[in-house]
Amino acid sequence: MIVAFESPIPASELDRYLKEFEELVMGSGVAESFAARHHIRVPGDDHAPVAVASAILQLRLADLDALHATFTMPGAADLIKRWQARHPYKAIWVNHEPLA
């Protein structure tokens, strides 16, 4: 998942968002693992045609049923609503088979 906040947010706020998202996902039992990293900004980001990522999140899921379940995790709507009110953002899902 790629998360792009509309305006830059402090690293501490981004870390808090990522931690809350990790706790939600891992606490739900839906994901096998979770990893997240901040986007590394480069000068070319100033010319991005759509959005510039703030962070990339990887959820390892067992199967398609688990993927579907991520969209109905208890607490997900509340987390999204709360963070959208503080720092509007867009999330882009990239669903794929394992790369390695």
Protein backbone atom coordinates (compact mmCIF):
# COMPACT_ATOMS: atom_id res chain seq x y z
CA MET A 1 0.00 0.00 0.00
CA ILE A 2 1.27 3.46 -0.85
CA VAL A 3 0.18 6.28 1.45
CA ALA A 4 0.44 9.86 0.21
CA PHE A 5 -0.43 12.65 2.63
CA GLU A 6 -1.65 15.79 0.86
CA SER A 7 0.84 17.95 2.77
CA PRO A 8 4.09 16.89 4.38
CA ILE A 9 3.64 15.80 7.99
CA PRO A 10 6.30 15.56 10.70
CA ALA A 11 8.20 12.27 10.77
CA SER A 12 6.92 11.63 14.29
CA GLU A 13 3.30 11.91 13.08
CA LEU A 14 4.00 9.58 10.16
CA ASP A 15 5.61 7.10 12.53
CA ARG A 16 2.53 7.28 14.76
CA TYR A 17 0.22 6.64 11.79
CA LEU A 18 2.33 3.64 10.69
CA LYS A 19 2.39 2.22 14.24
CA GLU A 20 -1.38 2.57 14.64
CA PHE A 21 -1.94 0.95 11.24
CA GLU A 22 0.43 -1.91 12.15
CA GLU A 23 -1.35 -2.47 15.48
CA LEU A 24 -4.72 -2.54 13.71
CA VAL A 25 -3.61 -4.97 11.01
CA MET A 26 -1.62 -7.32 13.22
CA GLY A 27 -4.23 -7.21 15.97
CA SER A 28 -6.93 -8.25 13.50
CA GLY A 29 -5.20 -11.56 12.75
CA VAL A 30 -5.70 -10.95 9.02
CA ALA A 31 -2.05 -10.35 8.09
CA GLU A 32 0.87 -12.72 8.50
CA SER A 33 3.32 -9.81 8.64
CA PHE A 34 3.55 -6.06 8.30
CA ALA A 35 6.40 -3.76 7.29
CA ALA A 36 6.50 -0.04 6.58
CA ARG A 37 9.09 2.54 5.59
CA HIS A 38 9.12 6.26 4.91
CA HIS A 39 9.40 7.32 1.29
CA ILE A 40 12.90 8.58 0.43
CA ARG A 41 12.38 11.97 -1.17
CA VAL A 42 14.38 12.89 -4.27
CA PRO A 43 14.33 16.04 -6.46
CA GLY A 44 12.30 14.23 -9.14
CA ASP A 45 9.39 14.01 -6.68
CA ASP A 46 8.67 17.67 -7.46
CA HIS A 47 7.54 16.57 -10.93
CA ALA A 48 5.37 13.61 -9.93
CA PRO A 49 2.26 13.60 -12.15
CA VAL A 50 -0.11 12.13 -9.54
CA ALA A 51 1.16 12.09 -5.95
CA VAL A 52 4.33 11.61 -3.95
CA ALA A 53 4.34 8.76 -1.47
CA SER A 54 4.77 9.50 2.21
CA ALA A 55 5.29 5.85 3.10
CA ILE A 56 5.06 2.34 1.71
CA LEU A 57 3.37 -0.41 3.72
CA GLN A 58 3.56 -4.13 3.02
CA LEU A 59 1.01 -6.56 4.39
CA ARG A 60 1.75 -10.24 3.83
CA LEU A 61 -1.52 -12.10 3.50
CA ALA A 62 -2.19 -15.82 3.25
CA ASP A 63 -4.72 -15.71 0.43
CA LEU A 64 -7.40 -13.77 -1.41
CA ASP A 65 -9.87 -14.21 1.46
CA ALA A 66 -7.40 -12.47 3.78
CA LEU A 67 -7.05 -9.66 1.25
CA HIS A 68 -10.81 -9.18 1.18
CA ALA A 69 -10.87 -9.21 5.00
CA THR A 70 -8.45 -6.26 5.19
CA PHE A 71 -11.22 -4.02 3.88
CA THR A 72 -13.57 -4.96 6.73
CA MET A 73 -11.18 -5.04 9.70
CA PRO A 74 -12.84 -3.80 12.88
CA GLY A 75 -11.49 -0.34 13.68
CA ALA A 76 -10.24 0.39 10.16
CA ALA A 77 -12.94 2.95 9.35
CA ASP A 78 -12.30 4.76 12.64
CA LEU A 79 -8.53 4.89 12.07
CA ILE A 80 -9.00 6.21 8.54
CA LYS A 81 -11.58 8.81 9.59
CA ARG A 82 -9.43 10.04 12.49
CA TRP A 83 -6.27 10.38 10.40
CA GLN A 84 -8.08 11.89 7.42
CA ALA A 85 -9.42 14.61 9.74
CA ARG A 86 -5.92 15.40 11.01
CA HIS A 87 -3.88 14.91 7.86
CA PRO A 88 -5.78 14.15 4.64
CA TYR A 89 -4.16 11.40 2.58
CA LYS A 90 -4.72 8.97 -0.25
CA ALA A 91 -3.99 5.27 -0.12
CA ILE A 92 -3.18 3.21 -3.17
CA TRP A 93 -3.44 -0.56 -2.91
CA VAL A 94 -1.04 -2.63 -5.00
CA ASN A 95 -2.19 -6.25 -4.79
CA HIS A 96 0.20 -8.83 -6.21
CA GLU A 97 1.68 -12.27 -5.84
CA PRO A 98 4.92 -12.49 -3.80
CA LEU A 99 7.79 -10.83 -5.65
CA ALA A 100 10.43 -13.15 -4.26
